[in-house]
Amino acid sequence: MVLNDTVSTNLRKGVLEYCVLATIGDGEMYGLDIANGLQSRGLLTSEGTLYPLLARLRRNGLVETSWRESSQGAPRRYYTLTDSGQQSLAAFAEVWETFSASVTDTLKSTTGGTP
């Protein structure tokens, strides 16, 4: 259904940055591993979306990178959260809790009890 795809796309766009930060928050990660983790959760439909986002997060000081040699080809760039990235993720998590509960309550009140 086209409408559902549009809603889903808009929701992903709004939270993808923070989902990337949360994914990296567990420790240093390679870009393809980040993409695979997000794709398995239905949060990323194309790797082409991820790499520009990672570059922006790096420019904004939320992640830092390091290069490592790979036994499987070219060197790989690994991403880790900076202190600013951790603070941004913590702020989002705090706001998300209240925001998502408000949306759920609103949907329940306007749809007769089912979000």
N, C-alpha and C. Protein backbone atom coordinates (compact mmCIF):
# COMPACT_ATOMS: atom_id res chain seq x y z
N MET A 1 0.84 -1.18 0.00
CA MET A 1 0.00 0.00 0.00
C MET A 1 0.89 1.24 0.00
N VAL A 2 0.68 2.14 -0.91
CA VAL A 2 1.50 3.33 -1.08
C VAL A 2 1.48 4.22 0.15
N LEU A 3 0.32 4.42 0.74
CA LEU A 3 0.21 5.28 1.91
C LEU A 3 1.05 4.74 3.06
N ASN A 4 0.98 3.44 3.32
CA ASN A 4 1.79 2.85 4.38
C ASN A 4 3.28 3.02 4.10
N ASP A 5 3.68 2.88 2.84
CA ASP A 5 5.09 3.08 2.48
C ASP A 5 5.53 4.51 2.76
N THR A 6 4.68 5.46 2.47
CA THR A 6 5.00 6.87 2.70
C THR A 6 5.14 7.15 4.19
N VAL A 7 4.22 6.65 4.98
CA VAL A 7 4.28 6.85 6.43
C VAL A 7 5.55 6.22 6.98
N SER A 8 5.83 5.00 6.57
CA SER A 8 7.01 4.28 7.04
C SER A 8 8.29 5.02 6.65
N THR A 9 8.36 5.50 5.43
CA THR A 9 9.54 6.24 4.97
C THR A 9 9.74 7.50 5.78
N ASN A 10 8.69 8.24 6.02
CA ASN A 10 8.80 9.48 6.79
C ASN A 10 9.23 9.22 8.23
N LEU A 11 8.72 8.17 8.83
CA LEU A 11 9.13 7.83 10.20
C LEU A 11 10.60 7.43 10.24
N ARG A 12 11.03 6.62 9.29
CA ARG A 12 12.45 6.21 9.24
C ARG A 12 13.35 7.42 9.09
N LYS A 13 12.99 8.34 8.20
CA LYS A 13 13.81 9.54 7.98
C LYS A 13 13.97 10.33 9.28
N GLY A 14 12.92 10.39 10.06
CA GLY A 14 12.96 11.18 11.28
C GLY A 14 13.81 10.60 12.39
N VAL A 15 14.00 9.29 12.39
CA VAL A 15 14.71 8.67 13.50
C VAL A 15 16.00 7.95 13.10
N LEU A 16 16.28 7.88 11.81
CA LEU A 16 17.42 7.09 11.35
C LEU A 16 18.74 7.54 11.96
N GLU A 17 18.94 8.84 12.04
CA GLU A 17 20.20 9.35 12.62
C GLU A 17 20.42 8.78 14.02
N TYR A 18 19.39 8.78 14.83
CA TYR A 18 19.52 8.31 16.20
C TYR A 18 19.63 6.78 16.28
N CYS A 19 19.00 6.10 15.34
CA CYS A 19 19.15 4.65 15.28
C CYS A 19 20.58 4.27 14.89
N VAL A 20 21.20 5.07 14.02
CA VAL A 20 22.60 4.86 13.67
C VAL A 20 23.47 5.09 14.90
N LEU A 21 23.22 6.17 15.62
CA LEU A 21 24.00 6.44 16.83
C LEU A 21 23.83 5.31 17.84
N ALA A 22 22.61 4.82 18.00
CA ALA A 22 22.36 3.74 18.95
C ALA A 22 23.09 2.46 18.53
N THR A 23 23.10 2.19 17.24
CA THR A 23 23.78 1.00 16.73
C THR A 23 25.28 1.09 17.00
N ILE A 24 25.85 2.25 16.77
CA ILE A 24 27.28 2.45 17.00
C ILE A 24 27.59 2.51 18.50
N GLY A 25 26.58 2.87 19.30
CA GLY A 25 26.78 3.04 20.73
C GLY A 25 27.31 1.83 21.46
N ASP A 26 27.13 0.65 20.89
CA ASP A 26 27.63 -0.56 21.53
C ASP A 26 29.13 -0.75 21.34
N GLY A 27 29.75 0.05 20.50
CA GLY A 27 31.18 -0.05 20.26
C GLY A 27 31.52 0.22 18.81
N GLU A 28 32.77 0.19 18.51
CA GLU A 28 33.27 0.48 17.17
C GLU A 28 32.64 -0.45 16.13
N MET A 29 32.18 0.13 15.02
CA MET A 29 31.52 -0.67 13.99
C MET A 29 31.94 -0.24 12.60
N TYR A 30 31.99 -1.20 11.71
CA TYR A 30 32.27 -1.01 10.29
C TYR A 30 30.96 -0.64 9.61
N GLY A 31 31.01 0.21 8.59
CA GLY A 31 29.81 0.70 7.92
C GLY A 31 28.86 -0.38 7.45
N LEU A 32 29.38 -1.45 6.85
CA LEU A 32 28.50 -2.51 6.35
C LEU A 32 27.80 -3.22 7.49
N ASP A 33 28.47 -3.37 8.62
CA ASP A 33 27.82 -3.99 9.79
C ASP A 33 26.70 -3.10 10.33
N ILE A 34 26.90 -1.79 10.30
CA ILE A 34 25.84 -0.85 10.71
C ILE A 34 24.65 -1.01 9.77
N ALA A 35 24.93 -1.02 8.48
CA ALA A 35 23.86 -1.16 7.47
C ALA A 35 23.10 -2.46 7.66
N ASN A 36 23.80 -3.55 7.84
CA ASN A 36 23.13 -4.86 8.01
C ASN A 36 22.25 -4.88 9.24
N GLY A 37 22.74 -4.31 10.34
CA GLY A 37 21.94 -4.27 11.56
C GLY A 37 20.67 -3.46 11.40
N LEU A 38 20.79 -2.32 10.75
CA LEU A 38 19.61 -1.48 10.53
C LEU A 38 18.65 -2.11 9.53
N GLN A 39 19.18 -2.73 8.49
CA GLN A 39 18.32 -3.39 7.50
C GLN A 39 17.57 -4.56 8.12
N SER A 40 18.21 -5.30 8.99
CA SER A 40 17.54 -6.45 9.62
C SER A 40 16.38 -6.02 10.51
N ARG A 41 16.41 -4.77 10.96
CA ARG A 41 15.33 -4.23 11.80
C ARG A 41 14.31 -3.43 10.98
N GLY A 42 14.50 -3.38 9.67
CA GLY A 42 13.59 -2.64 8.81
C GLY A 42 13.75 -1.13 8.89
N LEU A 43 14.90 -0.67 9.37
CA LEU A 43 15.12 0.76 9.55
C LEU A 43 15.90 1.39 8.41
N LEU A 44 16.46 0.58 7.53
CA LEU A 44 17.26 1.09 6.42
C LEU A 44 16.90 0.29 5.18
N THR A 45 16.55 0.99 4.13
CA THR A 45 16.18 0.30 2.90
C THR A 45 17.31 0.31 1.88
N SER A 46 18.30 1.20 2.04
CA SER A 46 19.38 1.31 1.08
C SER A 46 20.66 1.77 1.77
N GLU A 47 21.77 1.11 1.44
CA GLU A 47 23.05 1.56 1.98
C GLU A 47 23.39 2.96 1.49
N GLY A 48 22.84 3.34 0.35
CA GLY A 48 23.07 4.67 -0.20
C GLY A 48 22.59 5.78 0.70
N THR A 49 21.69 5.47 1.61
CA THR A 49 21.20 6.44 2.59
C THR A 49 22.18 6.56 3.76
N LEU A 50 22.83 5.46 4.09
CA LEU A 50 23.65 5.40 5.30
C LEU A 50 24.94 6.21 5.20
N TYR A 51 25.68 6.06 4.12
CA TYR A 51 27.01 6.65 4.08
C TYR A 51 27.00 8.18 4.08
N PRO A 52 26.10 8.83 3.38
CA PRO A 52 26.02 10.30 3.54
C PRO A 52 25.65 10.71 4.97
N LEU A 53 24.79 9.92 5.62
CA LEU A 53 24.41 10.21 7.00
C LEU A 53 25.62 10.05 7.92
N LEU A 54 26.40 8.99 7.73
CA LEU A 54 27.61 8.80 8.54
C LEU A 54 28.60 9.95 8.33
N ALA A 55 28.73 10.42 7.09
CA ALA A 55 29.63 11.54 6.81
C ALA A 55 29.15 12.80 7.53
N ARG A 56 27.84 13.03 7.54
CA ARG A 56 27.29 14.20 8.23
C ARG A 56 27.50 14.09 9.74
N LEU A 57 27.29 12.89 10.29
CA LEU A 57 27.51 12.68 11.73
C LEU A 57 28.97 12.94 12.08
N ARG A 58 29.87 12.55 11.20
CA ARG A 58 31.30 12.79 11.43
C ARG A 58 31.60 14.29 11.37
N ARG A 59 31.09 14.99 10.35
CA ARG A 59 31.30 16.44 10.24
C ARG A 59 30.74 17.19 11.44
N ASN A 60 29.64 16.69 12.00
CA ASN A 60 29.00 17.34 13.14
C ASN A 60 29.61 16.93 14.48
N GLY A 61 30.62 16.09 14.43
CA GLY A 61 31.33 15.71 15.65
C GLY A 61 30.62 14.68 16.51
N LEU A 62 29.67 13.96 15.95
CA LEU A 62 28.93 12.95 16.73
C LEU A 62 29.57 11.58 16.65
N VAL A 63 30.32 11.33 15.59
CA VAL A 63 31.08 10.08 15.46
C VAL A 63 32.49 10.43 15.02
N GLU A 64 33.40 9.55 15.33
CA GLU A 64 34.76 9.66 14.81
C GLU A 64 35.10 8.35 14.11
N THR A 65 36.08 8.41 13.24
CA THR A 65 36.39 7.25 12.43
C THR A 65 37.86 6.89 12.54
N SER A 66 38.13 5.64 12.22
CA SER A 66 39.51 5.17 12.10
C SER A 66 39.53 4.15 10.97
N TRP A 67 40.67 4.06 10.31
CA TRP A 67 40.83 3.12 9.21
C TRP A 67 41.59 1.89 9.69
N ARG A 68 41.17 0.73 9.20
CA ARG A 68 41.85 -0.53 9.53
C ARG A 68 42.04 -1.36 8.27
N GLU A 69 43.15 -2.02 8.21
CA GLU A 69 43.38 -2.95 7.12
C GLU A 69 42.39 -4.11 7.24
N SER A 70 42.02 -4.66 6.11
CA SER A 70 41.08 -5.77 6.08
C SER A 70 41.72 -6.94 5.37
N SER A 71 41.48 -8.13 5.88
CA SER A 71 41.98 -9.33 5.22
C SER A 71 41.17 -9.64 3.96
N GLN A 72 40.05 -8.93 3.78
CA GLN A 72 39.15 -9.19 2.66
C GLN A 72 39.17 -8.08 1.61
N GLY A 73 40.22 -7.30 1.53
CA GLY A 73 40.28 -6.27 0.50
C GLY A 73 40.78 -4.95 1.03
N ALA A 74 40.13 -3.88 0.59
CA ALA A 74 40.54 -2.52 0.92
C ALA A 74 40.40 -2.24 2.42
N PRO A 75 41.14 -1.23 2.91
CA PRO A 75 40.96 -0.83 4.32
C PRO A 75 39.52 -0.43 4.59
N ARG A 76 39.10 -0.62 5.82
CA ARG A 76 37.72 -0.31 6.21
C ARG A 76 37.70 0.84 7.21
N ARG A 77 36.65 1.65 7.10
CA ARG A 77 36.46 2.76 8.04
C ARG A 77 35.54 2.27 9.15
N TYR A 78 35.99 2.45 10.38
CA TYR A 78 35.21 2.08 11.56
C TYR A 78 34.73 3.34 12.26
N TYR A 79 33.54 3.26 12.82
CA TYR A 79 32.88 4.41 13.45
C TYR A 79 32.70 4.16 14.94
N THR A 80 32.94 5.20 15.72
CA THR A 80 32.65 5.18 17.16
C THR A 80 31.97 6.49 17.54
N LEU A 81 31.19 6.44 18.62
CA LEU A 81 30.54 7.66 19.10
C LEU A 81 31.54 8.54 19.83
N THR A 82 31.41 9.82 19.65
CA THR A 82 32.15 10.79 20.45
C THR A 82 31.32 11.07 21.71
N ASP A 83 31.87 11.85 22.61
CA ASP A 83 31.09 12.27 23.79
C ASP A 83 29.83 13.02 23.35
N SER A 84 29.96 13.87 22.34
CA SER A 84 28.80 14.61 21.83
C SER A 84 27.77 13.66 21.24
N GLY A 85 28.23 12.62 20.57
CA GLY A 85 27.32 11.62 20.01
C GLY A 85 26.57 10.88 21.10
N GLN A 86 27.27 10.55 22.17
CA GLN A 86 26.63 9.87 23.31
C GLN A 86 25.60 10.78 23.96
N GLN A 87 25.93 12.06 24.10
CA GLN A 87 24.99 13.02 24.69
C GLN A 87 23.76 13.20 23.80
N SER A 88 23.97 13.27 22.50
CA SER A 88 22.86 13.42 21.56
C SER A 88 21.95 12.20 21.61
N LEU A 89 22.52 11.02 21.66
CA LEU A 89 21.74 9.79 21.75
C LEU A 89 20.95 9.74 23.06
N ALA A 90 21.58 10.12 24.16
CA ALA A 90 20.89 10.12 25.46
C ALA A 90 19.73 11.11 25.45
N ALA A 91 19.94 12.28 24.86
CA ALA A 91 18.86 13.28 24.78
C ALA A 91 17.70 12.76 23.95
N PHE A 92 18.02 12.11 22.82
CA PHE A 92 16.96 11.55 21.97
C PHE A 92 16.19 10.48 22.72
N ALA A 93 16.90 9.60 23.41
CA ALA A 93 16.24 8.51 24.14
C ALA A 93 15.27 9.06 25.18
N GLU A 94 15.67 10.12 25.85
CA GLU A 94 14.81 10.74 26.86
C GLU A 94 13.56 11.35 26.23
N VAL A 95 13.74 12.07 25.14
CA VAL A 95 12.61 12.70 24.45
C VAL A 95 11.73 11.64 23.79
N TRP A 96 12.34 10.61 23.21
CA TRP A 96 11.59 9.58 22.50
C TRP A 96 10.59 8.88 23.42
N GLU A 97 11.01 8.60 24.63
CA GLU A 97 10.14 7.91 25.59
C GLU A 97 8.81 8.66 25.75
N THR A 98 8.90 9.95 26.03
CA THR A 98 7.71 10.77 26.21
C THR A 98 6.95 10.96 24.90
N PHE A 99 7.68 11.23 23.83
CA PHE A 99 7.06 11.47 22.54
C PHE A 99 6.28 10.24 22.05
N SER A 100 6.91 9.07 22.09
CA SER A 100 6.24 7.87 21.59
C SER A 100 5.03 7.51 22.44
N ALA A 101 5.10 7.74 23.74
CA ALA A 101 3.95 7.49 24.61
C ALA A 101 2.81 8.46 24.27
N SER A 102 3.15 9.71 23.98
CA SER A 102 2.13 10.69 23.60
C SER A 102 1.45 10.32 22.28
N VAL A 103 2.24 9.86 21.32
CA VAL A 103 1.67 9.44 20.04
C VAL A 103 0.75 8.24 20.25
N THR A 104 1.20 7.27 21.02
CA THR A 104 0.39 6.08 21.29
C THR A 104 -0.91 6.46 21.98
N ASP A 105 -0.84 7.33 22.98
CA ASP A 105 -2.05 7.78 23.68
C ASP A 105 -3.00 8.49 22.74
N THR A 106 -2.44 9.34 21.87
CA THR A 106 -3.27 10.07 20.91
C THR A 106 -3.95 9.11 19.96
N LEU A 107 -3.20 8.14 19.44
CA LEU A 107 -3.79 7.18 18.51
C LEU A 107 -4.88 6.34 19.19
N LYS A 108 -4.64 5.95 20.42
CA LYS A 108 -5.66 5.17 21.15
C LYS A 108 -6.93 5.97 21.34
N SER A 109 -6.78 7.24 21.62
CA SER A 109 -7.97 8.06 21.89
C SER A 109 -8.76 8.36 20.62
N THR A 110 -8.09 8.35 19.48
CA THR A 110 -8.79 8.69 18.23
C THR A 110 -9.18 7.48 17.39
N THR A 111 -8.69 6.30 17.76
CA THR A 111 -9.01 5.11 16.98
C THR A 111 -9.82 4.09 17.77
N GLY A 112 -10.33 4.51 18.90
CA GLY A 112 -11.15 3.61 19.70
C GLY A 112 -10.37 2.56 20.48
N GLY A 113 -9.14 2.87 20.82
CA GLY A 113 -8.38 1.97 21.69
C GLY A 113 -7.30 1.16 21.01
N THR A 114 -7.20 1.19 19.69
CA THR A 114 -6.12 0.44 19.03
C THR A 114 -5.24 1.40 18.25
N PRO A 115 -3.95 1.42 18.60
CA PRO A 115 -3.03 2.32 17.88
C PRO A 115 -2.78 1.84 16.46
